[in-house]
Each structure stands twice: as structure tokens, then as C-alpha cells.
């Protein structure tokens, strides 16, 4: 909930979802959880359907971005780690207006994805999440509340120089029911294009 006050000091409580344009804050519920999304498998799924017993990881990604290229191995590693710990995984391509669906299917097959890779053709998810870059990660707990948002690690440009594995640490803290040491980090990557 978010408290909004006017100049007359009249305050009201609004839910995150009812205030368009505000960034998704820690503790916010999973947005657009029942929006039908077209997966490269040919199925339509929702984030609620993809969520597993320990939560869901939503990552904005794509096919053709230098930062995606540099993070290929890290993306595969963290997605497998999440799935192995009963956390659903959905990669979202909000640039799919340019990156046609057939190219997404080919890319997912080449990368041997075993998780969902969906098209966000109208940018509805990107807008709801206030996502701006690829890769950009959002981790939700078993109650579908946001516990972490940001980068996979502290050096998206160079895997050899990583000192802190932000998302991996966040998953471990969440699974251990500990307060997250870091719940928000800056994202560096390719800009998500709005169509």
C-alpha cells in the first residue's frame, strides 16, 4: 500500500497497481499476474501459472543485445538454480516487435531453455514492472511479493570481474527466510524499446 497526501493534507491509501507510472517497490504484489502471455512452446501462460511453491523469477531479456550476449551463461545458471529450488522462471521479451516470435523460438532452442520465454508485444509487462533494461530481474516470494529487483550480479559487462552475485544471494536469503542483505540494485544493459 502507498500513502498519498494532497496539499490539503487529506491522505488516502492506494494499492501499487492503482498508481500507474510508479516504480515497482519491494513488497509489491506480482503485477499482471493473470495476463495471458505467448510462450515459445506455443502455449499461452500467465505469471500465476508459472509461479512455483517458492515464488517466481521474472527476467526481462531478449535475443539481440550485447549485454544479453555477455550474460548468456549467467542467465542459464541462475534460471536453472531458481527452477531447482521450486521458483518458477519466466523470461520476457518486450522487444518482440523487432525480434519476431520465430527468432525467439530459435534463440530459446539454441540456448536450450527449459523455462518460459514469452513475448510482451504491447509492452504491458514492461510497463507494469517499470522495466527499462535487459537483462533486468524481479524475484517474488511464495506469496507473490517482490523481494528483489535489479541485476543478476555487480558486473553485467564482464563475468570474470563479478564480486557479488546479487540475484543468487537474494534467492538464498529468500529460501532461508532471512531478510535480504541487498534487495535492490542498479541495472545496466540494453534499453527496452516501447512500441
N, C-alpha and C. Protein backbone atom coordinates (compact mmCIF):
# COMPACT_ATOMS: atom_id res chain seq x y z
N UNK A 1 0.85 -1.20 0.00
CA UNK A 1 0.00 0.00 0.00
C UNK A 1 0.88 1.24 0.00
N UNK A 2 0.36 2.30 -0.60
CA UNK A 2 1.12 3.54 -0.71
C UNK A 2 0.24 4.68 -0.21
N UNK A 3 0.77 5.55 0.66
CA UNK A 3 0.00 6.66 1.21
C UNK A 3 0.23 7.90 0.36
N UNK A 4 -0.85 8.47 -0.15
CA UNK A 4 -0.79 9.66 -0.99
C UNK A 4 -1.48 10.81 -0.26
N UNK A 5 -0.83 11.95 -0.15
CA UNK A 5 -1.41 13.10 0.54
C UNK A 5 -1.47 14.29 -0.41
N UNK A 6 -2.58 15.03 -0.34
CA UNK A 6 -2.72 16.23 -1.16
C UNK A 6 -2.19 17.44 -0.39
N UNK A 7 -2.24 18.62 -1.03
CA UNK A 7 -1.79 19.83 -0.36
C UNK A 7 -2.66 20.17 0.83
N UNK A 8 -3.88 19.64 0.85
CA UNK A 8 -4.79 19.88 1.98
C UNK A 8 -4.57 18.85 3.09
N UNK A 9 -3.53 18.02 2.92
CA UNK A 9 -3.19 17.00 3.90
C UNK A 9 -4.28 15.96 4.08
N UNK A 10 -5.08 15.78 3.02
CA UNK A 10 -6.04 14.69 3.03
C UNK A 10 -5.32 13.49 2.44
N UNK A 11 -5.23 12.44 3.21
CA UNK A 11 -4.44 11.29 2.77
C UNK A 11 -5.36 10.12 2.43
N UNK A 12 -4.93 9.34 1.49
CA UNK A 12 -5.66 8.12 1.18
C UNK A 12 -4.65 7.03 0.87
N UNK A 13 -5.07 5.80 1.05
CA UNK A 13 -4.21 4.65 0.79
C UNK A 13 -4.58 4.06 -0.55
N UNK A 14 -3.59 3.86 -1.39
CA UNK A 14 -3.82 3.28 -2.71
C UNK A 14 -2.92 2.06 -2.86
N UNK A 15 -3.39 1.09 -3.62
CA UNK A 15 -2.53 -0.06 -3.88
C UNK A 15 -1.55 0.31 -4.98
N UNK A 16 -0.43 -0.44 -5.05
CA UNK A 16 0.59 -0.19 -6.07
C UNK A 16 -0.04 -0.22 -7.45
N UNK A 17 -0.90 -1.21 -7.66
CA UNK A 17 -1.45 -1.41 -9.00
C UNK A 17 -2.34 -0.25 -9.44
N UNK A 18 -2.84 0.54 -8.48
CA UNK A 18 -3.75 1.61 -8.85
C UNK A 18 -3.05 2.93 -9.11
N UNK A 19 -1.73 2.93 -9.05
CA UNK A 19 -0.99 4.16 -9.28
C UNK A 19 -0.05 3.95 -10.47
N UNK A 20 -0.57 4.15 -11.70
CA UNK A 20 0.26 3.90 -12.87
C UNK A 20 1.47 4.81 -12.91
N UNK A 21 2.59 4.26 -13.39
CA UNK A 21 3.79 5.06 -13.56
C UNK A 21 4.72 5.05 -12.36
N UNK A 22 4.25 4.54 -11.20
CA UNK A 22 5.13 4.45 -10.04
C UNK A 22 6.01 3.22 -10.18
N UNK A 23 7.26 3.30 -9.76
CA UNK A 23 8.13 2.13 -9.85
C UNK A 23 7.64 1.01 -8.94
N UNK A 24 7.90 -0.21 -9.35
CA UNK A 24 7.53 -1.37 -8.56
C UNK A 24 8.46 -1.45 -7.36
N UNK A 25 7.90 -1.35 -6.16
CA UNK A 25 8.71 -1.30 -4.95
C UNK A 25 8.75 -2.65 -4.27
N UNK A 26 9.77 -2.87 -3.44
CA UNK A 26 9.89 -4.09 -2.67
C UNK A 26 8.62 -4.26 -1.82
N UNK A 27 8.07 -5.47 -1.85
CA UNK A 27 6.82 -5.76 -1.14
C UNK A 27 5.60 -5.67 -2.03
N UNK A 28 5.76 -5.14 -3.25
CA UNK A 28 4.63 -5.02 -4.17
C UNK A 28 4.18 -6.40 -4.64
N UNK A 29 2.87 -6.55 -4.93
CA UNK A 29 2.40 -7.83 -5.46
C UNK A 29 2.81 -8.01 -6.92
N UNK A 30 2.83 -9.25 -7.36
CA UNK A 30 3.17 -9.61 -8.73
C UNK A 30 2.19 -8.93 -9.68
N UNK A 31 2.67 -8.00 -10.55
CA UNK A 31 1.74 -7.30 -11.43
C UNK A 31 1.34 -8.14 -12.64
N UNK A 32 0.16 -7.85 -13.18
CA UNK A 32 -0.35 -8.52 -14.39
C UNK A 32 -0.23 -10.03 -14.28
N UNK A 33 -0.52 -10.54 -13.09
CA UNK A 33 -0.29 -11.97 -12.81
C UNK A 33 -1.16 -12.89 -13.64
N UNK A 34 -2.29 -12.39 -14.15
CA UNK A 34 -3.19 -13.24 -14.94
C UNK A 34 -3.25 -12.84 -16.41
N UNK A 35 -2.31 -12.01 -16.85
CA UNK A 35 -2.22 -11.63 -18.26
C UNK A 35 -1.74 -12.82 -19.07
N UNK A 36 -2.47 -13.17 -20.14
CA UNK A 36 -2.05 -14.28 -21.00
C UNK A 36 -0.83 -13.87 -21.82
N UNK A 37 0.19 -14.71 -21.77
CA UNK A 37 1.46 -14.45 -22.46
C UNK A 37 1.76 -15.62 -23.38
N UNK A 38 2.23 -15.34 -24.59
CA UNK A 38 2.51 -16.39 -25.57
C UNK A 38 3.95 -16.85 -25.41
N UNK A 39 4.11 -18.13 -25.06
CA UNK A 39 5.42 -18.73 -24.83
C UNK A 39 5.95 -19.34 -26.13
N UNK A 40 7.27 -19.49 -26.21
CA UNK A 40 7.89 -20.06 -27.42
C UNK A 40 7.46 -21.51 -27.66
N UNK A 41 6.92 -22.17 -26.64
CA UNK A 41 6.41 -23.53 -26.80
C UNK A 41 5.12 -23.57 -27.61
N UNK A 42 4.51 -22.39 -27.78
CA UNK A 42 3.22 -22.31 -28.46
C UNK A 42 2.06 -22.20 -27.49
N UNK A 43 2.34 -22.40 -26.19
CA UNK A 43 1.28 -22.31 -25.17
C UNK A 43 1.11 -20.88 -24.71
N UNK A 44 -0.09 -20.57 -24.23
CA UNK A 44 -0.33 -19.32 -23.53
C UNK A 44 -0.29 -19.60 -22.04
N UNK A 45 0.45 -18.79 -21.31
CA UNK A 45 0.58 -18.99 -19.86
C UNK A 45 0.41 -17.64 -19.16
N UNK A 46 0.25 -17.69 -17.85
CA UNK A 46 0.23 -16.47 -17.03
C UNK A 46 1.36 -16.58 -16.02
N UNK A 47 1.72 -15.45 -15.43
CA UNK A 47 2.74 -15.48 -14.38
C UNK A 47 2.27 -16.31 -13.19
N UNK A 48 0.98 -16.24 -12.88
CA UNK A 48 0.44 -17.06 -11.79
C UNK A 48 0.61 -18.54 -12.07
N UNK A 49 0.39 -18.94 -13.31
CA UNK A 49 0.55 -20.35 -13.68
C UNK A 49 2.01 -20.78 -13.63
N UNK A 50 2.92 -19.85 -13.95
CA UNK A 50 4.35 -20.17 -13.97
C UNK A 50 4.96 -20.19 -12.57
N UNK A 51 4.32 -19.52 -11.63
CA UNK A 51 4.83 -19.45 -10.25
C UNK A 51 4.87 -20.85 -9.65
N UNK A 52 5.94 -21.13 -8.89
CA UNK A 52 6.06 -22.41 -8.20
C UNK A 52 5.94 -22.20 -6.69
N UNK A 53 6.14 -23.24 -5.93
CA UNK A 53 5.86 -23.18 -4.48
C UNK A 53 6.71 -22.15 -3.74
N UNK A 54 7.93 -21.86 -4.25
CA UNK A 54 8.79 -20.89 -3.57
C UNK A 54 8.82 -19.52 -4.24
N UNK A 55 8.00 -19.31 -5.27
CA UNK A 55 7.92 -18.00 -5.88
C UNK A 55 8.15 -18.02 -7.38
N UNK A 56 8.55 -16.88 -7.91
CA UNK A 56 8.77 -16.74 -9.35
C UNK A 56 9.85 -15.70 -9.62
N UNK A 57 10.66 -15.99 -10.62
CA UNK A 57 11.67 -15.04 -11.12
C UNK A 57 11.21 -14.58 -12.49
N UNK A 58 11.04 -13.28 -12.64
CA UNK A 58 10.69 -12.69 -13.94
C UNK A 58 11.90 -11.89 -14.39
N UNK A 59 12.41 -12.23 -15.58
CA UNK A 59 13.59 -11.53 -16.10
C UNK A 59 13.28 -10.97 -17.49
N UNK A 60 13.48 -9.68 -17.64
CA UNK A 60 13.33 -9.07 -18.97
C UNK A 60 14.62 -9.33 -19.74
N UNK A 61 14.45 -9.92 -20.93
CA UNK A 61 15.59 -10.40 -21.69
C UNK A 61 15.33 -10.18 -23.18
N UNK A 62 16.07 -10.86 -24.01
CA UNK A 62 15.89 -10.71 -25.45
C UNK A 62 16.85 -11.60 -26.20
N UNK A 63 16.92 -11.39 -27.52
CA UNK A 63 17.79 -12.18 -28.38
C UNK A 63 19.04 -11.42 -28.81
N UNK A 64 18.88 -10.13 -29.03
CA UNK A 64 19.93 -9.38 -29.73
C UNK A 64 20.34 -8.15 -28.94
N UNK A 65 21.17 -8.36 -27.94
CA UNK A 65 21.67 -7.26 -27.12
C UNK A 65 23.05 -7.67 -26.63
N UNK A 66 24.04 -6.80 -26.71
CA UNK A 66 25.38 -7.16 -26.23
C UNK A 66 25.40 -7.62 -24.77
N UNK A 67 24.55 -7.02 -23.94
CA UNK A 67 24.53 -7.42 -22.52
C UNK A 67 23.88 -8.79 -22.34
N UNK A 68 22.88 -9.10 -23.16
CA UNK A 68 22.30 -10.44 -23.13
C UNK A 68 23.36 -11.45 -23.54
N UNK A 69 24.11 -11.12 -24.58
CA UNK A 69 25.19 -12.00 -25.06
C UNK A 69 26.21 -12.25 -23.94
N UNK A 70 26.61 -11.19 -23.23
CA UNK A 70 27.60 -11.33 -22.16
C UNK A 70 27.05 -12.08 -20.95
N UNK A 71 25.72 -12.14 -20.84
CA UNK A 71 25.10 -12.77 -19.68
C UNK A 71 24.46 -14.12 -19.99
N UNK A 72 24.71 -14.68 -21.16
CA UNK A 72 24.08 -15.94 -21.55
C UNK A 72 24.30 -17.03 -20.51
N UNK A 73 25.56 -17.29 -20.18
CA UNK A 73 25.87 -18.37 -19.23
C UNK A 73 25.29 -18.06 -17.86
N UNK A 74 25.36 -16.79 -17.44
CA UNK A 74 24.84 -16.42 -16.12
C UNK A 74 23.32 -16.54 -16.07
N UNK A 75 22.66 -16.19 -17.18
CA UNK A 75 21.20 -16.33 -17.26
C UNK A 75 20.82 -17.79 -17.13
N UNK A 76 21.49 -18.66 -17.88
CA UNK A 76 21.17 -20.08 -17.81
C UNK A 76 21.42 -20.63 -16.40
N UNK A 77 22.53 -20.23 -15.81
CA UNK A 77 22.88 -20.73 -14.47
C UNK A 77 21.84 -20.33 -13.43
N UNK A 78 21.45 -19.04 -13.41
CA UNK A 78 20.53 -18.58 -12.38
C UNK A 78 19.12 -19.09 -12.62
N UNK A 79 18.73 -19.24 -13.87
CA UNK A 79 17.39 -19.78 -14.17
C UNK A 79 17.30 -21.25 -13.75
N UNK A 80 18.34 -22.03 -14.02
CA UNK A 80 18.36 -23.43 -13.58
C UNK A 80 18.34 -23.50 -12.04
N UNK A 81 19.11 -22.62 -11.40
CA UNK A 81 19.17 -22.61 -9.94
C UNK A 81 17.79 -22.30 -9.35
N UNK A 82 17.10 -21.33 -9.93
CA UNK A 82 15.75 -20.99 -9.46
C UNK A 82 14.81 -22.19 -9.62
N UNK A 83 14.78 -22.78 -10.81
CA UNK A 83 13.89 -23.92 -11.05
C UNK A 83 14.19 -25.08 -10.10
N UNK A 84 15.48 -25.34 -9.88
CA UNK A 84 15.87 -26.43 -8.97
C UNK A 84 15.43 -26.17 -7.54
N UNK A 85 15.11 -24.91 -7.23
CA UNK A 85 14.65 -24.55 -5.90
C UNK A 85 13.16 -24.17 -5.88
N UNK A 86 12.42 -24.73 -6.84
CA UNK A 86 10.95 -24.54 -6.92
C UNK A 86 10.55 -23.09 -7.03
N UNK A 87 11.32 -22.35 -7.81
CA UNK A 87 10.97 -20.96 -8.16
C UNK A 87 10.69 -20.96 -9.66
N UNK A 88 9.50 -20.57 -10.04
CA UNK A 88 9.16 -20.51 -11.46
C UNK A 88 10.02 -19.47 -12.17
N UNK A 89 10.23 -19.65 -13.46
CA UNK A 89 11.06 -18.73 -14.24
C UNK A 89 10.34 -18.34 -15.51
N UNK A 90 10.25 -17.03 -15.74
CA UNK A 90 9.71 -16.51 -17.00
C UNK A 90 10.65 -15.44 -17.52
N UNK A 91 11.21 -15.67 -18.68
CA UNK A 91 11.97 -14.63 -19.39
C UNK A 91 11.00 -13.91 -20.31
N UNK A 92 11.07 -12.59 -20.32
CA UNK A 92 10.12 -11.76 -21.05
C UNK A 92 10.87 -10.96 -22.11
N UNK A 93 10.41 -11.06 -23.35
CA UNK A 93 10.99 -10.27 -24.43
C UNK A 93 10.02 -9.14 -24.75
N UNK A 94 10.32 -7.95 -24.24
CA UNK A 94 9.47 -6.78 -24.50
C UNK A 94 9.88 -6.08 -25.79
N UNK A 95 10.93 -6.57 -26.43
CA UNK A 95 11.37 -6.02 -27.73
C UNK A 95 10.87 -6.88 -28.88
N UNK A 96 9.85 -7.70 -28.61
CA UNK A 96 9.45 -8.69 -29.61
C UNK A 96 8.78 -8.08 -30.82
N UNK A 97 8.49 -6.77 -30.79
CA UNK A 97 8.02 -6.13 -32.01
C UNK A 97 9.10 -6.15 -33.08
N UNK A 98 10.37 -6.04 -32.63
CA UNK A 98 11.50 -6.12 -33.56
C UNK A 98 11.99 -7.55 -33.69
N UNK A 99 12.07 -8.22 -32.56
CA UNK A 99 12.60 -9.57 -32.54
C UNK A 99 11.43 -10.53 -32.72
N UNK A 100 11.14 -10.88 -33.95
CA UNK A 100 9.95 -11.66 -34.26
C UNK A 100 9.92 -12.96 -33.47
N UNK A 101 8.69 -13.48 -33.31
CA UNK A 101 8.47 -14.64 -32.47
C UNK A 101 9.26 -15.86 -32.94
N UNK A 102 9.37 -16.05 -34.25
CA UNK A 102 10.14 -17.19 -34.76
C UNK A 102 11.60 -17.09 -34.34
N UNK A 103 12.14 -15.87 -34.31
CA UNK A 103 13.52 -15.68 -33.86
C UNK A 103 13.65 -16.00 -32.38
N UNK A 104 12.63 -15.67 -31.58
CA UNK A 104 12.63 -16.02 -30.16
C UNK A 104 12.66 -17.53 -29.98
N UNK A 105 11.84 -18.24 -30.77
CA UNK A 105 11.79 -19.70 -30.68
C UNK A 105 13.15 -20.31 -31.02
N UNK A 106 13.76 -19.80 -32.08
CA UNK A 106 15.07 -20.31 -32.49
C UNK A 106 16.12 -20.04 -31.41
N UNK A 107 16.07 -18.85 -30.83
CA UNK A 107 17.03 -18.48 -29.79
C UNK A 107 16.87 -19.37 -28.56
N UNK A 108 15.62 -19.59 -28.14
CA UNK A 108 15.35 -20.42 -26.96
C UNK A 108 15.83 -21.85 -27.20
N UNK A 109 15.63 -22.35 -28.41
CA UNK A 109 16.09 -23.71 -28.73
C UNK A 109 17.62 -23.78 -28.71
N UNK A 110 18.25 -22.78 -29.29
CA UNK A 110 19.72 -22.73 -29.32
C UNK A 110 20.29 -22.67 -27.91
N UNK A 111 19.63 -21.91 -27.04
CA UNK A 111 20.10 -21.76 -25.65
C UNK A 111 19.63 -22.90 -24.74
N UNK A 112 18.80 -23.79 -25.29
CA UNK A 112 18.27 -24.93 -24.54
C UNK A 112 17.51 -24.50 -23.30
N UNK A 113 16.66 -23.48 -23.47
CA UNK A 113 15.82 -23.02 -22.37
C UNK A 113 14.87 -24.13 -21.93
N UNK A 114 14.77 -24.32 -20.64
CA UNK A 114 13.79 -25.26 -20.08
C UNK A 114 12.78 -24.49 -19.22
N UNK A 115 12.70 -23.20 -19.44
CA UNK A 115 11.76 -22.33 -18.74
C UNK A 115 11.01 -21.51 -19.78
N UNK A 116 10.05 -20.75 -19.33
CA UNK A 116 9.22 -19.97 -20.24
C UNK A 116 10.01 -18.78 -20.81
N UNK A 117 9.74 -18.51 -22.08
CA UNK A 117 10.29 -17.33 -22.76
C UNK A 117 9.13 -16.74 -23.55
N UNK A 118 8.59 -15.62 -23.08
CA UNK A 118 7.33 -15.11 -23.61
C UNK A 118 7.51 -13.76 -24.30
N UNK A 119 6.60 -13.50 -25.22
CA UNK A 119 6.57 -12.22 -25.92
C UNK A 119 5.69 -11.24 -25.15
N UNK A 120 6.17 -10.02 -25.04
CA UNK A 120 5.41 -8.93 -24.41
C UNK A 120 5.17 -7.89 -25.49
N UNK A 121 4.35 -8.27 -26.48
CA UNK A 121 4.22 -7.50 -27.72
C UNK A 121 3.81 -6.05 -27.52
N UNK A 122 2.94 -5.81 -26.57
CA UNK A 122 2.46 -4.44 -26.35
C UNK A 122 3.20 -3.76 -25.21
N UNK A 123 4.19 -4.42 -24.65
CA UNK A 123 4.94 -3.83 -23.54
C UNK A 123 4.15 -3.74 -22.26
N UNK A 124 3.07 -4.52 -22.13
CA UNK A 124 2.23 -4.42 -20.93
C UNK A 124 2.99 -4.83 -19.67
N UNK A 125 3.76 -5.92 -19.77
CA UNK A 125 4.53 -6.33 -18.59
C UNK A 125 5.65 -5.35 -18.29
N UNK A 126 6.36 -4.94 -19.33
CA UNK A 126 7.46 -3.98 -19.12
C UNK A 126 6.93 -2.72 -18.46
N UNK A 127 5.77 -2.25 -18.89
CA UNK A 127 5.18 -1.05 -18.29
C UNK A 127 4.76 -1.32 -16.84
N UNK A 128 4.12 -2.46 -16.59
CA UNK A 128 3.65 -2.77 -15.24
C UNK A 128 4.80 -2.93 -14.26
N UNK A 129 5.91 -3.49 -14.75
CA UNK A 129 7.08 -3.69 -13.90
C UNK A 129 7.98 -2.45 -13.86
N UNK A 130 7.72 -1.49 -14.74
CA UNK A 130 8.60 -0.32 -14.91
C UNK A 130 10.01 -0.77 -15.29
N UNK A 131 10.07 -1.84 -16.08
CA UNK A 131 11.36 -2.38 -16.53
C UNK A 131 11.93 -1.46 -17.61
N UNK A 132 13.23 -1.26 -17.57
CA UNK A 132 13.87 -0.36 -18.52
C UNK A 132 15.03 -0.99 -19.30
N UNK A 133 15.58 -2.09 -18.79
CA UNK A 133 16.77 -2.68 -19.40
C UNK A 133 16.65 -4.19 -19.59
N UNK A 134 17.52 -4.71 -20.42
CA UNK A 134 17.71 -6.16 -20.49
C UNK A 134 19.20 -6.43 -20.29
N UNK A 135 19.54 -7.39 -19.40
CA UNK A 135 18.64 -8.12 -18.51
C UNK A 135 18.27 -7.32 -17.26
N UNK A 136 17.05 -7.52 -16.79
CA UNK A 136 16.57 -6.89 -15.55
C UNK A 136 15.70 -7.92 -14.83
N UNK A 137 15.93 -8.11 -13.54
CA UNK A 137 15.35 -9.24 -12.80
C UNK A 137 14.42 -8.80 -11.68
N UNK A 138 13.37 -9.60 -11.49
CA UNK A 138 12.39 -9.36 -10.43
C UNK A 138 12.09 -10.70 -9.76
N UNK A 139 12.40 -10.81 -8.47
CA UNK A 139 12.20 -12.04 -7.72
C UNK A 139 11.04 -11.85 -6.74
N UNK A 140 10.06 -12.75 -6.83
CA UNK A 140 8.88 -12.72 -5.95
C UNK A 140 8.86 -13.97 -5.08
N UNK A 141 8.44 -13.81 -3.84
CA UNK A 141 8.43 -14.93 -2.91
C UNK A 141 7.19 -15.81 -3.08
N UNK A 142 7.02 -16.76 -2.18
CA UNK A 142 5.91 -17.71 -2.29
C UNK A 142 4.55 -17.02 -2.18
N UNK A 143 4.52 -15.84 -1.60
CA UNK A 143 3.27 -15.06 -1.50
C UNK A 143 3.11 -14.08 -2.64
N UNK A 144 3.97 -14.22 -3.67
CA UNK A 144 3.95 -13.36 -4.86
C UNK A 144 4.20 -11.89 -4.51
N UNK A 145 5.09 -11.66 -3.52
CA UNK A 145 5.51 -10.30 -3.16
C UNK A 145 6.95 -10.09 -3.61
N UNK A 146 7.22 -8.91 -4.15
CA UNK A 146 8.55 -8.61 -4.66
C UNK A 146 9.57 -8.53 -3.52
N UNK A 147 10.65 -9.32 -3.65
CA UNK A 147 11.70 -9.28 -2.63
C UNK A 147 13.03 -8.76 -3.18
N UNK A 148 13.20 -8.84 -4.51
CA UNK A 148 14.45 -8.33 -5.11
C UNK A 148 14.16 -7.83 -6.51
N UNK A 149 14.83 -6.71 -6.88
CA UNK A 149 14.77 -6.23 -8.26
C UNK A 149 16.14 -5.65 -8.61
N UNK A 150 16.55 -5.92 -9.85
CA UNK A 150 17.83 -5.37 -10.29
C UNK A 150 18.60 -6.30 -11.19
N UNK A 151 19.91 -6.30 -11.02
CA UNK A 151 20.81 -7.03 -11.91
C UNK A 151 21.07 -8.44 -11.40
N UNK A 152 21.58 -9.29 -12.31
CA UNK A 152 21.98 -10.64 -11.93
C UNK A 152 23.16 -10.56 -10.95
N UNK A 153 24.11 -9.68 -11.27
CA UNK A 153 25.29 -9.52 -10.41
C UNK A 153 25.84 -8.11 -10.56
N UNK A 154 27.01 -7.86 -9.99
CA UNK A 154 27.53 -6.50 -9.96
C UNK A 154 28.39 -6.12 -11.16
N UNK A 155 28.50 -7.01 -12.16
CA UNK A 155 29.29 -6.67 -13.34
C UNK A 155 28.71 -7.30 -14.59
N UNK A 156 27.56 -6.76 -15.08
CA UNK A 156 26.92 -7.36 -16.24
C UNK A 156 27.77 -7.34 -17.50
N UNK A 157 28.76 -6.48 -17.53
CA UNK A 157 29.60 -6.38 -18.72
C UNK A 157 30.76 -7.36 -18.75
N UNK A 158 31.10 -7.94 -17.57
CA UNK A 158 32.30 -8.78 -17.52
C UNK A 158 32.15 -9.84 -16.43
N UNK A 159 31.85 -11.07 -16.84
CA UNK A 159 31.63 -12.16 -15.89
C UNK A 159 32.85 -12.44 -15.03
N UNK A 160 34.03 -12.21 -15.58
CA UNK A 160 35.26 -12.51 -14.84
C UNK A 160 35.52 -11.53 -13.70
N UNK A 161 34.84 -10.38 -13.72
CA UNK A 161 35.07 -9.35 -12.70
C UNK A 161 33.96 -9.28 -11.64
N UNK A 162 33.06 -10.27 -11.64
CA UNK A 162 31.95 -10.27 -10.68
C UNK A 162 32.46 -10.48 -9.26
N UNK A 163 31.99 -9.62 -8.36
CA UNK A 163 32.33 -9.75 -6.94
C UNK A 163 31.12 -10.12 -6.09
N UNK A 164 29.92 -9.73 -6.55
CA UNK A 164 28.71 -10.03 -5.80
C UNK A 164 27.63 -10.57 -6.74
N UNK A 165 27.16 -11.77 -6.42
CA UNK A 165 26.11 -12.41 -7.23
C UNK A 165 24.76 -12.05 -6.62
N UNK A 166 24.28 -10.84 -6.93
CA UNK A 166 23.11 -10.27 -6.28
C UNK A 166 21.89 -11.20 -6.29
N UNK A 167 21.52 -11.67 -7.46
CA UNK A 167 20.28 -12.46 -7.58
C UNK A 167 20.43 -13.81 -6.87
N UNK A 168 21.55 -14.45 -7.03
CA UNK A 168 21.80 -15.72 -6.34
C UNK A 168 21.72 -15.54 -4.82
N UNK A 169 22.33 -14.47 -4.33
CA UNK A 169 22.27 -14.18 -2.89
C UNK A 169 20.84 -13.92 -2.43
N UNK A 170 20.08 -13.19 -3.25
CA UNK A 170 18.69 -12.88 -2.91
C UNK A 170 17.85 -14.16 -2.83
N UNK A 171 18.06 -15.06 -3.78
CA UNK A 171 17.34 -16.34 -3.76
C UNK A 171 17.68 -17.11 -2.49
N UNK A 172 18.95 -17.18 -2.16
CA UNK A 172 19.37 -17.92 -0.96
C UNK A 172 18.78 -17.32 0.31
N UNK A 173 18.81 -15.99 0.43
CA UNK A 173 18.22 -15.34 1.61
C UNK A 173 16.72 -15.60 1.68
N UNK A 174 16.05 -15.50 0.52
CA UNK A 174 14.60 -15.72 0.49
C UNK A 174 14.26 -17.15 0.91
N UNK A 175 14.99 -18.12 0.38
CA UNK A 175 14.72 -19.52 0.70
C UNK A 175 14.98 -19.83 2.17
N UNK A 176 15.93 -19.10 2.76
CA UNK A 176 16.26 -19.29 4.19
C UNK A 176 15.38 -18.45 5.10
N UNK A 177 14.40 -17.75 4.51
CA UNK A 177 13.53 -16.86 5.29
C UNK A 177 14.29 -15.80 6.07
N UNK A 178 15.38 -15.32 5.46
CA UNK A 178 16.18 -14.26 6.07
C UNK A 178 15.87 -12.94 5.38
N UNK A 179 16.02 -11.82 6.08
CA UNK A 179 15.93 -10.53 5.39
C UNK A 179 17.02 -10.45 4.33
N UNK A 180 16.68 -9.96 3.17
CA UNK A 180 17.68 -9.86 2.11
C UNK A 180 18.71 -8.80 2.46
N UNK A 181 19.98 -9.16 2.30
CA UNK A 181 21.05 -8.19 2.55
C UNK A 181 20.99 -7.06 1.54
N UNK A 182 20.67 -7.40 0.29
CA UNK A 182 20.52 -6.42 -0.79
C UNK A 182 19.24 -6.77 -1.53
N UNK A 183 18.28 -5.81 -1.58
CA UNK A 183 17.03 -6.11 -2.27
C UNK A 183 16.80 -5.30 -3.54
N UNK A 184 17.68 -4.32 -3.80
CA UNK A 184 17.55 -3.50 -4.99
C UNK A 184 18.94 -3.14 -5.49
N UNK A 185 19.16 -3.34 -6.78
CA UNK A 185 20.43 -2.94 -7.38
C UNK A 185 20.17 -2.23 -8.70
N UNK A 186 21.13 -1.45 -9.13
CA UNK A 186 21.01 -0.75 -10.42
C UNK A 186 21.17 -1.76 -11.55
N UNK A 187 20.46 -1.51 -12.64
CA UNK A 187 20.59 -2.37 -13.81
C UNK A 187 21.31 -1.63 -14.93
N UNK A 188 22.20 -2.36 -15.57
CA UNK A 188 22.91 -1.84 -16.74
C UNK A 188 22.66 -2.83 -17.85
N UNK A 189 22.28 -2.32 -19.02
CA UNK A 189 22.02 -3.21 -20.15
C UNK A 189 21.46 -2.44 -21.30
N UNK A 190 20.85 -3.17 -22.23
CA UNK A 190 20.23 -2.52 -23.38
C UNK A 190 18.86 -1.97 -22.98
N UNK A 191 18.52 -0.81 -23.50
CA UNK A 191 17.21 -0.23 -23.20
C UNK A 191 16.10 -1.05 -23.83
N UNK A 192 15.01 -1.22 -23.08
CA UNK A 192 13.81 -1.84 -23.63
C UNK A 192 13.11 -0.80 -24.50
N UNK A 193 12.82 -1.20 -25.72
CA UNK A 193 12.13 -0.30 -26.66
C UNK A 193 10.63 -0.42 -26.43
N UNK A 194 9.95 0.69 -26.34
CA UNK A 194 8.50 0.69 -26.22
C UNK A 194 7.91 0.87 -27.61
N UNK A 195 6.93 0.03 -27.97
CA UNK A 195 6.32 0.12 -29.31
C UNK A 195 4.93 0.71 -29.20
